[in-house]
Amino acid sequence: MASKSILHMITPLKHMSPFDVNMAVDAGFDAVLPYTNVDAKEVTGLVQDAMFSRPPQDAVRTGIFIGGKDAILALDMLDAAKRALFKPFEVSIFADPAGSFTTAAAMVACVERLLKQKFNRDLKATRIVVYGATGVVGFTAGVIASLEGASVTLAGYDGAERVQRAAQEIERRFKTSLSAADASTPEKISALLQRSDIALCAGRAGVQILSEAAVKAAGKLLMAADVNAVPPPGVAGLDPQNKGDPIGGTKVLGIGALAIGNVKYQTESGLFKRMVEAKEALALDFRDAFRLARELA
């Protein structure tokens, strides 16, 4: 009788995301067990408990998922989990805090596809401003775009201080440089937009970041993408279903939240399925998510 595929889902928060639980079960895991309020120091013990309870030939049928709402903490927990492994008891690990790694990957992949289709260019040297950059999706989208060679500016709705710290952390961890800027007023938001090729909006649900006037005044802007599906959209006039049509009354191409969400859904599901079907242990983060999202976009 074949061993069951079991996923242990770890989060530092009070609750594990029901979204991720549903995704894991639908992807084919036989059993999904959440562990909440987990401290980073507890990861090693949990991972090794999961490893040693099964014979080595069944290790690959065991998976660890890392959630939460903090990209840096999730990466630290992923590193701790990887350090806990050793042959022949290696299990698969997947980090996707608040779905941010797969959402950011889908967002950047959709932008890259449209950039190639409509402008015959790639992300390298493209000027990208990320609004909502203190959140996990904006942070991760900035990292992905920068690693692909884009010139990225993280825009802070409450000033430049927090996004400057984020840029410094990104440079320390990933050896890629990003800029930070104050986007605390409509005037500062518009000024950043006017010197950018692409705007990525990853703000809070129901918060409009870019006004109609700001988009119309941004003469160099090629496209704007938004992950906010809760009305109003993060970009005024951007239909959530938009897959590259101009935003009303402008030449700026739009990518809406539901268009991005479709790729995100397939990306997260696809990575869970890879864990279920794996013959060797996997360790998956935003880089793996971006590689898959590129194929799907």
C-alpha atoms as a PDB file:
ATOM      1  CA  MET A   1       0.000   0.000   0.000  1.00  0.00           C
ATOM      2  CA  ALA A   2       1.409   3.398  -1.035  1.00  0.00           C
ATOM      3  CA  SER A   3       2.259   5.823   1.748  1.00  0.00           C
ATOM      4  CA  LYS A   4       0.042   8.858   2.178  1.00  0.00           C
ATOM      5  CA  SER A   5       1.173  12.312   1.097  1.00  0.00           C
ATOM      6  CA  ILE A   6       1.165  14.479   4.225  1.00  0.00           C
ATOM      7  CA  LEU A   7       1.639  18.251   4.393  1.00  0.00           C
ATOM      8  CA  HIS A   8       2.557  19.965   7.663  1.00  0.00           C
ATOM      9  CA  MET A   9       1.606  23.662   7.389  1.00  0.00           C
ATOM     10  CA  ILE A  10       3.520  26.046   9.665  1.00  0.00           C
ATOM     11  CA  THR A  11       2.599  29.655  10.431  1.00  0.00           C
ATOM     12  CA  PRO A  12       3.738  32.180  13.060  1.00  0.00           C
ATOM     13  CA  LEU A  13       0.182  33.570  13.078  1.00  0.00           C
ATOM     14  CA  LYS A  14      -2.867  32.601  15.125  1.00  0.00           C
ATOM     15  CA  HIS A  15      -4.477  30.876  12.148  1.00  0.00           C
ATOM     16  CA  MET A  16      -3.288  29.064   9.044  1.00  0.00           C
ATOM     17  CA  SER A  17      -4.745  30.563   5.882  1.00  0.00           C
ATOM     18  CA  PRO A  18      -7.828  28.605   4.735  1.00  0.00           C
ATOM     19  CA  PHE A  19      -6.881  29.601   1.181  1.00  0.00           C
ATOM     20  CA  ASP A  20      -3.605  27.694   1.409  1.00  0.00           C
ATOM     21  CA  VAL A  21      -5.239  24.719   3.123  1.00  0.00           C
ATOM     22  CA  ASN A  22      -7.812  24.412   0.330  1.00  0.00           C
ATOM     23  CA  MET A  23      -5.115  24.770  -2.325  1.00  0.00           C
ATOM     24  CA  ALA A  24      -3.016  22.012  -0.766  1.00  0.00           C
ATOM     25  CA  VAL A  25      -5.897  19.558  -0.473  1.00  0.00           C
ATOM     26  CA  ASP A  26      -7.095  20.250  -4.028  1.00  0.00           C
ATOM     27  CA  ALA A  27      -3.525  19.737  -5.286  1.00  0.00           C
ATOM     28  CA  GLY A  28      -3.601  16.165  -4.013  1.00  0.00           C
ATOM     29  CA  PHE A  29      -2.260  15.943  -0.460  1.00  0.00           C
ATOM     30  CA  ASP A  30      -3.995  13.170   1.475  1.00  0.00           C
ATOM     31  CA  ALA A  31      -3.632  14.909   4.832  1.00  0.00           C
ATOM     32  CA  VAL A  32      -2.973  18.543   5.755  1.00  0.00           C
ATOM     33  CA  LEU A  33      -2.046  19.492   9.326  1.00  0.00           C
ATOM     34  CA  PRO A  34      -1.747  23.141  10.459  1.00  0.00           C
ATOM     35  CA  TYR A  35       0.636  24.322  13.204  1.00  0.00           C
ATOM     36  CA  THR A  36      -0.039  27.861  14.420  1.00  0.00           C
ATOM     37  CA  ASN A  37       1.823  30.425  16.542  1.00  0.00           C
ATOM     38  CA  VAL A  38       5.093  28.744  15.563  1.00  0.00           C
ATOM     39  CA  ASP A  39       8.301  30.490  16.574  1.00  0.00           C
ATOM     40  CA  ALA A  40      11.227  30.317  14.140  1.00  0.00           C
ATOM     41  CA  LYS A  41      13.235  28.473  16.797  1.00  0.00           C
ATOM     42  CA  GLU A  42      10.671  25.647  16.754  1.00  0.00           C
ATOM     43  CA  VAL A  43      10.980  24.915  13.035  1.00  0.00           C
ATOM     44  CA  THR A  44      13.923  22.522  13.337  1.00  0.00           C
ATOM     45  CA  GLY A  45      12.160  20.301  15.870  1.00  0.00           C
ATOM     46  CA  LEU A  46       8.916  20.188  13.901  1.00  0.00           C
ATOM     47  CA  VAL A  47      10.670  19.362  10.647  1.00  0.00           C
ATOM     48  CA  GLN A  48      12.766  16.598  12.192  1.00  0.00           C
ATOM     49  CA  ASP A  49       9.721  15.107  13.928  1.00  0.00           C
ATOM     50  CA  ALA A  50       8.044  14.900  10.532  1.00  0.00           C
ATOM     51  CA  MET A  51      11.193  13.400   8.970  1.00  0.00           C
ATOM     52  CA  PHE A  52      11.909  10.676  11.487  1.00  0.00           C
ATOM     53  CA  SER A  53       8.350   9.346  11.736  1.00  0.00           C
ATOM     54  CA  ARG A  54       8.625   7.724   8.288  1.00  0.00           C
ATOM     55  CA  PRO A  55      11.134   5.401   6.619  1.00  0.00           C
ATOM     56  CA  PRO A  56      13.584   7.091   4.221  1.00  0.00           C
ATOM     57  CA  GLN A  57      11.775   5.824   1.125  1.00  0.00           C
ATOM     58  CA  ASP A  58       8.653   7.708   2.245  1.00  0.00           C
ATOM     59  CA  ALA A  59      10.414  10.951   3.162  1.00  0.00           C
ATOM     60  CA  VAL A  60       9.547  12.593  -0.152  1.00  0.00           C
ATOM     61  CA  ARG A  61       5.851  11.962   0.600  1.00  0.00           C
ATOM     62  CA  THR A  62       6.163  14.413   3.473  1.00  0.00           C
ATOM     63  CA  GLY A  63       5.948  18.155   2.874  1.00  0.00           C
ATOM     64  CA  ILE A  64       6.401  21.322   4.938  1.00  0.00           C
ATOM     65  CA  PHE A  65       4.561  24.542   4.018  1.00  0.00           C
ATOM     66  CA  ILE A  66       5.548  27.893   5.555  1.00  0.00           C
ATOM     67  CA  GLY A  67       2.940  30.647   5.699  1.00  0.00           C
ATOM     68  CA  GLY A  68       2.455  33.831   7.703  1.00  0.00           C
ATOM     69  CA  LYS A  69       2.507  37.448   6.547  1.00  0.00           C
ATOM     70  CA  ASP A  70       6.194  38.294   6.742  1.00  0.00           C
ATOM     71  CA  ALA A  71       8.416  37.540   3.741  1.00  0.00           C
ATOM     72  CA  ILE A  72      11.699  37.798   5.653  1.00  0.00           C
ATOM     73  CA  LEU A  73      10.499  35.604   8.508  1.00  0.00           C
ATOM     74  CA  ALA A  74       9.195  33.021   6.035  1.00  0.00           C
ATOM     75  CA  LEU A  75      12.577  32.923   4.289  1.00  0.00           C
ATOM     76  CA  ASP A  76      14.317  32.557   7.649  1.00  0.00           C
ATOM     77  CA  MET A  77      11.984  29.680   8.558  1.00  0.00           C
ATOM     78  CA  LEU A  78      12.624  28.110   5.154  1.00  0.00           C
ATOM     79  CA  ASP A  79      16.367  28.294   5.769  1.00  0.00           C
ATOM     80  CA  ALA A  80      15.923  26.743   9.218  1.00  0.00           C
ATOM     81  CA  ALA A  81      13.849  23.937   7.726  1.00  0.00           C
ATOM     82  CA  LYS A  82      16.473  23.231   5.052  1.00  0.00           C
ATOM     83  CA  ARG A  83      19.234  23.149   7.667  1.00  0.00           C
ATOM     84  CA  ALA A  84      17.226  20.574   9.625  1.00  0.00           C
ATOM     85  CA  LEU A  85      17.320  18.106   6.717  1.00  0.00           C
ATOM     86  CA  PHE A  86      19.907  15.437   6.002  1.00  0.00           C
ATOM     87  CA  LYS A  87      19.974  12.335   3.837  1.00  0.00           C
ATOM     88  CA  PRO A  88      18.181  10.018   3.604  1.00  0.00           C
ATOM     89  CA  PHE A  89      15.329  11.746   5.460  1.00  0.00           C
ATOM     90  CA  GLU A  90      14.868  14.797   3.208  1.00  0.00           C
ATOM     91  CA  VAL A  91      11.355  16.204   2.849  1.00  0.00           C
ATOM     92  CA  SER A  92       9.984  18.908   0.555  1.00  0.00           C
ATOM     93  CA  ILE A  93       9.502  22.519   1.726  1.00  0.00           C
ATOM     94  CA  PHE A  94       7.474  25.360   0.198  1.00  0.00           C
ATOM     95  CA  ALA A  95       7.315  28.946   1.518  1.00  0.00           C
ATOM     96  CA  ASP A  96       4.516  31.279   0.389  1.00  0.00           C
ATOM     97  CA  PRO A  97       3.632  33.739   3.195  1.00  0.00           C
ATOM     98  CA  ALA A  98       0.155  35.233   2.651  1.00  0.00           C
ATOM     99  CA  GLY A  99       0.380  33.876  -0.887  1.00  0.00           C
ATOM    100  CA  SER A 100       2.819  36.700  -1.558  1.00  0.00           C
ATOM    101  CA  PHE A 101       5.531  34.726  -3.323  1.00  0.00           C
ATOM    102  CA  THR A 102       3.121  33.252  -5.866  1.00  0.00           C
ATOM    103  CA  THR A 103       1.143  36.504  -6.235  1.00  0.00           C
ATOM    104  CA  ALA A 104       4.261  38.613  -6.787  1.00  0.00           C
ATOM    105  CA  ALA A 105       5.621  36.024  -9.203  1.00  0.00           C
ATOM    106  CA  ALA A 106       2.388  36.074 -11.194  1.00  0.00           C
ATOM    107  CA  MET A 107       2.336  39.879 -11.243  1.00  0.00           C
ATOM    108  CA  VAL A 108       5.878  40.242 -12.567  1.00  0.00           C
ATOM    109  CA  ALA A 109       5.424  37.368 -15.032  1.00  0.00           C
ATOM    110  CA  CYS A 110       2.290  38.985 -16.493  1.00  0.00           C
ATOM    111  CA  VAL A 111       4.102  42.313 -16.823  1.00  0.00           C
ATOM    112  CA  GLU A 112       7.091  40.642 -18.474  1.00  0.00           C
ATOM    113  CA  ARG A 113       4.872  38.822 -20.983  1.00  0.00           C
ATOM    114  CA  LEU A 114       3.032  42.011 -21.959  1.00  0.00           C
ATOM    115  CA  LEU A 115       6.271  43.974 -22.159  1.00  0.00           C
ATOM    116  CA  LYS A 116       7.644  41.470 -24.662  1.00  0.00           C
ATOM    117  CA  GLN A 117       4.427  41.242 -26.670  1.00  0.00           C
ATOM    118  CA  LYS A 118       3.675  44.939 -26.980  1.00  0.00           C
ATOM    119  CA  PHE A 119       7.067  46.651 -26.706  1.00  0.00           C
ATOM    120  CA  ASN A 120       9.564  43.941 -27.695  1.00  0.00           C
ATOM    121  CA  ARG A 121      11.636  44.464 -24.563  1.00  0.00           C
ATOM    122  CA  ASP A 122      12.353  42.662 -21.316  1.00  0.00           C
ATOM    123  CA  LEU A 123      12.627  43.715 -17.691  1.00  0.00           C
ATOM    124  CA  LYS A 124      16.303  44.608 -17.864  1.00  0.00           C
ATOM    125  CA  ALA A 125      16.820  48.358 -17.301  1.00  0.00           C
ATOM    126  CA  THR A 126      13.049  48.922 -17.225  1.00  0.00           C
ATOM    127  CA  ARG A 127      12.097  51.546 -14.644  1.00  0.00           C
ATOM    128  CA  ILE A 128       9.592  50.051 -12.216  1.00  0.00           C
ATOM    129  CA  VAL A 129       7.940  51.733  -9.247  1.00  0.00           C
ATOM    130  CA  VAL A 130       6.313  49.501  -6.631  1.00  0.00           C
ATOM    131  CA  TYR A 131       3.504  51.044  -4.590  1.00  0.00           C
ATOM    132  CA  GLY A 132       2.538  49.161  -1.450  1.00  0.00           C
ATOM    133  CA  ALA A 133       6.153  48.082  -1.150  1.00  0.00           C
ATOM    134  CA  THR A 134       6.042  47.645   2.645  1.00  0.00           C
ATOM    135  CA  GLY A 135       3.650  44.731   2.176  1.00  0.00           C
ATOM    136  CA  VAL A 136       4.729  41.176   1.391  1.00  0.00           C
ATOM    137  CA  VAL A 137       3.539  41.181  -2.232  1.00  0.00           C
ATOM    138  CA  GLY A 138       5.117  44.529  -3.079  1.00  0.00           C
ATOM    139  CA  PHE A 139       8.349  43.596  -1.321  1.00  0.00           C
ATOM    140  CA  THR A 140       8.615  40.304  -3.193  1.00  0.00           C
ATOM    141  CA  ALA A 141       7.648  41.787  -6.565  1.00  0.00           C
ATOM    142  CA  GLY A 142      10.423  44.335  -6.105  1.00  0.00           C
ATOM    143  CA  VAL A 143      12.960  41.603  -5.374  1.00  0.00           C
ATOM    144  CA  ILE A 144      11.929  39.518  -8.394  1.00  0.00           C
ATOM    145  CA  ALA A 145      11.972  42.480 -10.801  1.00  0.00           C
ATOM    146  CA  SER A 146      15.328  43.698  -9.501  1.00  0.00           C
ATOM    147  CA  LEU A 147      16.900  40.248  -9.838  1.00  0.00           C
ATOM    148  CA  GLU A 148      15.710  40.277 -13.460  1.00  0.00           C
ATOM    149  CA  GLY A 149      17.633  43.494 -14.067  1.00  0.00           C
ATOM    150  CA  ALA A 150      14.905  46.101 -13.700  1.00  0.00           C
ATOM    151  CA  SER A 151      15.615  49.464 -12.068  1.00  0.00           C
ATOM    152  CA  VAL A 152      13.223  49.243  -9.120  1.00  0.00           C
ATOM    153  CA  THR A 153      11.988  51.937  -6.749  1.00  0.00           C
ATOM    154  CA  LEU A 154      10.080  50.947  -3.612  1.00  0.00           C
ATOM    155  CA  ALA A 155       7.501  53.625  -2.821  1.00  0.00           C
ATOM    156  CA  GLY A 156       6.440  54.147   0.799  1.00  0.00           C
ATOM    157  CA  TYR A 157       2.951  55.467   1.511  1.00  0.00           C
ATOM    158  CA  ASP A 158       4.132  56.592   4.952  1.00  0.00           C
ATOM    159  CA  GLY A 159       7.439  58.037   3.789  1.00  0.00           C
ATOM    160  CA  ALA A 160      10.776  56.641   2.693  1.00  0.00           C
ATOM    161  CA  GLU A 161      12.109  55.278   5.988  1.00  0.00           C
ATOM    162  CA  ARG A 162      10.493  51.826   6.001  1.00  0.00           C
ATOM    163  CA  VAL A 163      11.043  51.181   2.296  1.00  0.00           C
ATOM    164  CA  GLN A 164      14.660  52.268   2.695  1.00  0.00           C
ATOM    165  CA  ARG A 165      15.103  49.577   5.350  1.00  0.00           C
ATOM    166  CA  ALA A 166      13.432  47.077   3.021  1.00  0.00           C
ATOM    167  CA  ALA A 167      15.801  48.034   0.181  1.00  0.00           C
ATOM    168  CA  GLN A 168      18.798  47.576   2.483  1.00  0.00           C
ATOM    169  CA  GLU A 169      17.548  44.152   3.586  1.00  0.00           C
ATOM    170  CA  ILE A 170      17.029  43.108  -0.029  1.00  0.00           C
ATOM    171  CA  GLU A 171      20.542  44.178  -0.965  1.00  0.00           C
ATOM    172  CA  ARG A 172      21.988  42.293   2.017  1.00  0.00           C
ATOM    173  CA  ARG A 173      20.114  39.076   1.269  1.00  0.00           C
ATOM    174  CA  PHE A 174      19.930  38.991  -2.510  1.00  0.00           C
ATOM    175  CA  LYS A 175      22.857  41.187  -3.639  1.00  0.00           C
ATOM    176  CA  THR A 176      20.672  43.398  -5.810  1.00  0.00           C
ATOM    177  CA  SER A 177      20.107  47.144  -5.408  1.00  0.00           C
ATOM    178  CA  LEU A 178      16.770  48.951  -5.243  1.00  0.00           C
ATOM    179  CA  SER A 179      15.892  52.594  -4.597  1.00  0.00           C
ATOM    180  CA  ALA A 180      13.454  53.876  -1.993  1.00  0.00           C
ATOM    181  CA  ALA A 181      11.174  56.897  -2.270  1.00  0.00           C
ATOM    182  CA  ASP A 182       8.555  58.850  -0.363  1.00  0.00           C
ATOM    183  CA  ALA A 183       5.035  58.331  -1.772  1.00  0.00           C
ATOM    184  CA  SER A 184       3.111  59.820   1.128  1.00  0.00           C
ATOM    185  CA  THR A 185       1.176  62.439  -0.878  1.00  0.00           C
ATOM    186  CA  PRO A 186      -0.677  62.418  -4.236  1.00  0.00           C
ATOM    187  CA  GLU A 187       1.949  64.790  -5.610  1.00  0.00           C
ATOM    188  CA  LYS A 188       4.815  62.468  -4.664  1.00  0.00           C
ATOM    189  CA  ILE A 189       2.955  59.439  -6.029  1.00  0.00           C
ATOM    190  CA  SER A 190       2.430  61.248  -9.330  1.00  0.00           C
ATOM    191  CA  ALA A 191       6.050  62.432  -9.533  1.00  0.00           C
ATOM    192  CA  LEU A 192       7.311  58.855  -9.170  1.00  0.00           C
ATOM    193  CA  LEU A 193       4.841  57.651 -11.765  1.00  0.00           C
ATOM    194  CA  GLN A 194       5.946  60.232 -14.309  1.00  0.00           C
ATOM    195  CA  ARG A 195       9.504  58.898 -14.397  1.00  0.00           C
ATOM    196  CA  SER A 196       8.581  55.204 -14.507  1.00  0.00           C
ATOM    197  CA  ASP A 197       7.907  52.733 -17.306  1.00  0.00           C
ATOM    198  CA  ILE A 198       5.830  50.377 -15.186  1.00  0.00           C
ATOM    199  CA  ALA A 199       3.803  50.767 -11.998  1.00  0.00           C
ATOM    200  CA  LEU A 200       3.150  47.771  -9.755  1.00  0.00           C
ATOM    201  CA  CYS A 201       0.381  48.419  -7.243  1.00  0.00           C
ATOM    202  CA  ALA A 202       0.298  46.060  -4.270  1.00  0.00           C
ATOM    203  CA  GLY A 203      -1.530  48.189  -1.741  1.00  0.00           C
ATOM    204  CA  ARG A 204      -4.130  47.210   0.810  1.00  0.00           C
ATOM    205  CA  ALA A 205      -7.521  45.919  -0.320  1.00  0.00           C
ATOM    206  CA  GLY A 206      -9.951  48.680  -1.246  1.00  0.00           C
ATOM    207  CA  VAL A 207      -7.313  51.434  -1.379  1.00  0.00           C
ATOM    208  CA  GLN A 208      -6.902  53.360  -4.633  1.00  0.00           C
ATOM    209  CA  ILE A 209      -3.259  54.344  -5.098  1.00  0.00           C
ATOM    210  CA  LEU A 210      -3.178  55.815  -8.602  1.00  0.00           C
ATOM    211  CA  SER A 211      -5.827  58.351  -9.567  1.00  0.00           C
ATOM    212  CA  GLU A 212      -7.131  58.803 -13.093  1.00  0.00           C
ATOM    213  CA  ALA A 213      -5.362  62.160 -13.287  1.00  0.00           C
ATOM    214  CA  ALA A 214      -2.039  60.666 -12.179  1.00  0.00           C
ATOM    215  CA  VAL A 215      -2.181  57.924 -14.813  1.00  0.00           C
ATOM    216  CA  LYS A 216      -3.103  60.390 -17.578  1.00  0.00           C
ATOM    217  CA  ALA A 217      -0.274  62.736 -16.581  1.00  0.00           C
ATOM    218  CA  ALA A 218       2.362  59.974 -16.660  1.00  0.00           C
ATOM    219  CA  GLY A 219       3.585  60.442 -20.222  1.00  0.00           C
ATOM    220  CA  LYS A 220       6.336  57.774 -20.075  1.00  0.00           C
ATOM    221  CA  LEU A 221       4.266  55.100 -18.361  1.00  0.00           C
ATOM    222  CA  LEU A 222       3.827  51.946 -20.445  1.00  0.00           C
ATOM    223  CA  MET A 223       1.705  49.845 -18.118  1.00  0.00           C
ATOM    224  CA  ALA A 224       0.214  49.516 -14.655  1.00  0.00           C
ATOM    225  CA  ALA A 225      -0.561  46.277 -12.817  1.00  0.00           C
ATOM    226  CA  ASP A 226      -2.700  45.912  -9.703  1.00  0.00           C
ATOM    227  CA  VAL A 227      -3.330  43.014  -7.292  1.00  0.00           C
ATOM    228  CA  ASN A 228      -6.217  44.625  -5.390  1.00  0.00           C
ATOM    229  CA  ALA A 229      -9.465  42.851  -6.319  1.00  0.00           C
ATOM    230  CA  VAL A 230     -11.581  44.705  -3.721  1.00  0.00           C
ATOM    231  CA  PRO A 231     -13.259  47.870  -5.084  1.00  0.00           C
ATOM    232  CA  PRO A 232     -12.015  50.437  -5.717  1.00  0.00           C
ATOM    233  CA  PRO A 233      -9.059  49.066  -7.683  1.00  0.00           C
ATOM    234  CA  GLY A 234      -5.571  50.267  -6.837  1.00  0.00           C
ATOM    235  CA  VAL A 235      -5.437  51.955 -10.250  1.00  0.00           C
ATOM    236  CA  ALA A 236      -8.401  54.133 -11.213  1.00  0.00           C
ATOM    237  CA  GLY A 237     -10.228  52.777 -14.244  1.00  0.00           C
ATOM    238  CA  LEU A 238      -8.417  49.420 -14.270  1.00  0.00           C
ATOM    239  CA  ASP A 239     -10.838  46.520 -14.761  1.00  0.00           C
ATOM    240  CA  PRO A 240      -9.802  43.525 -12.609  1.00  0.00           C
ATOM    241  CA  GLN A 241     -10.168  41.308 -15.704  1.00  0.00           C
ATOM    242  CA  ASN A 242      -7.907  43.495 -17.868  1.00  0.00           C
ATOM    243  CA  LYS A 243      -5.144  41.445 -19.525  1.00  0.00           C
ATOM    244  CA  GLY A 244      -3.349  44.214 -21.377  1.00  0.00           C
ATOM    245  CA  ASP A 245      -5.882  46.619 -22.831  1.00  0.00           C
ATOM    246  CA  PRO A 246      -5.390  50.378 -22.391  1.00  0.00           C
ATOM    247  CA  ILE A 247      -6.739  51.865 -19.185  1.00  0.00           C
ATOM    248  CA  GLY A 248      -9.705  54.070 -20.136  1.00  0.00           C
ATOM    249  CA  GLY A 249      -8.749  57.278 -21.929  1.00  0.00           C
ATOM    250  CA  THR A 250      -4.984  56.595 -21.876  1.00  0.00           C
ATOM    251  CA  LYS A 251      -2.324  54.660 -23.754  1.00  0.00           C
ATOM    252  CA  VAL A 252      -1.230  52.943 -20.536  1.00  0.00           C
ATOM    253  CA  LEU A 253      -1.779  49.184 -20.695  1.00  0.00           C
ATOM    254  CA  GLY A 254      -3.385  47.578 -17.688  1.00  0.00           C
ATOM    255  CA  ILE A 255      -3.165  44.210 -15.950  1.00  0.00           C
ATOM    256  CA  GLY A 256      -5.948  43.688 -13.439  1.00  0.00           C
ATOM    257  CA  ALA A 257      -6.103  41.778 -10.188  1.00  0.00           C
ATOM    258  CA  LEU A 258      -8.170  38.859 -11.475  1.00  0.00           C
ATOM    259  CA  ALA A 259      -5.936  38.419 -14.518  1.00  0.00           C
ATOM    260  CA  ILE A 260      -2.939  38.226 -12.175  1.00  0.00           C
ATOM    261  CA  GLY A 261      -4.936  36.098  -9.739  1.00  0.00           C
ATOM    262  CA  ASN A 262      -5.557  33.437 -12.358  1.00  0.00           C
ATOM    263  CA  VAL A 263      -1.813  32.987 -12.893  1.00  0.00           C
ATOM    264  CA  LYS A 264      -1.195  33.134  -9.128  1.00  0.00           C
ATOM    265  CA  TYR A 265      -3.760  30.400  -8.496  1.00  0.00           C
ATOM    266  CA  GLN A 266      -2.198  28.126 -11.112  1.00  0.00           C
ATOM    267  CA  THR A 267       1.284  28.854  -9.768  1.00  0.00           C
ATOM    268  CA  GLU A 268       0.508  27.966  -6.155  1.00  0.00           C
ATOM    269  CA  SER A 269      -1.478  24.910  -7.207  1.00  0.00           C
ATOM    270  CA  GLY A 270       1.306  23.874  -9.554  1.00  0.00           C
ATOM    271  CA  LEU A 271       3.977  24.072  -6.854  1.00  0.00           C
ATOM    272  CA  PHE A 272       1.851  22.039  -4.436  1.00  0.00           C
ATOM    273  CA  LYS A 273       1.356  19.417  -7.168  1.00  0.00           C
ATOM    274  CA  ARG A 274       5.108  19.291  -7.730  1.00  0.00           C
ATOM    275  CA  MET A 275       5.532  18.469  -4.051  1.00  0.00           C
ATOM    276  CA  VAL A 276       2.913  15.709  -4.221  1.00  0.00           C
ATOM    277  CA  GLU A 277       4.475  14.200  -7.353  1.00  0.00           C
ATOM    278  CA  ALA A 278       8.154  14.730  -6.466  1.00  0.00           C
ATOM    279  CA  LYS A 279      10.601  11.836  -6.601  1.00  0.00           C
ATOM    280  CA  GLU A 280      13.237  13.915  -4.804  1.00  0.00           C
ATOM    281  CA  ALA A 281      12.862  16.529  -2.067  1.00  0.00           C
ATOM    282  CA  LEU A 282      12.150  20.116  -3.197  1.00  0.00           C
ATOM    283  CA  ALA A 283      12.766  23.500  -1.547  1.00  0.00           C
ATOM    284  CA  LEU A 284      10.508  26.129  -3.149  1.00  0.00           C
ATOM    285  CA  ASP A 285      10.388  29.902  -2.720  1.00  0.00           C
ATOM    286  CA  PHE A 286       9.585  32.993  -4.826  1.00  0.00           C
ATOM    287  CA  ARG A 287      12.245  32.131  -7.412  1.00  0.00           C
ATOM    288  CA  ASP A 288      10.582  28.795  -8.170  1.00  0.00           C
ATOM    289  CA  ALA A 289       7.211  30.542  -8.211  1.00  0.00           C
ATOM    290  CA  PHE A 290       8.475  33.045 -10.795  1.00  0.00           C
ATOM    291  CA  ARG A 291       9.898  30.329 -13.033  1.00  0.00           C
ATOM    292  CA  LEU A 292       6.527  28.545 -13.077  1.00  0.00           C
ATOM    293  CA  ALA A 293       4.501  31.772 -13.415  1.00  0.00           C
ATOM    294  CA  ARG A 294       6.559  32.681 -16.493  1.00  0.00           C
ATOM    295  CA  GLU A 295       5.503  29.416 -18.123  1.00  0.00           C
ATOM    296  CA  LEU A 296       1.851  29.943 -17.186  1.00  0.00           C
ATOM    297  CA  ALA A 297       1.639  33.628 -18.154  1.00  0.00           C
END
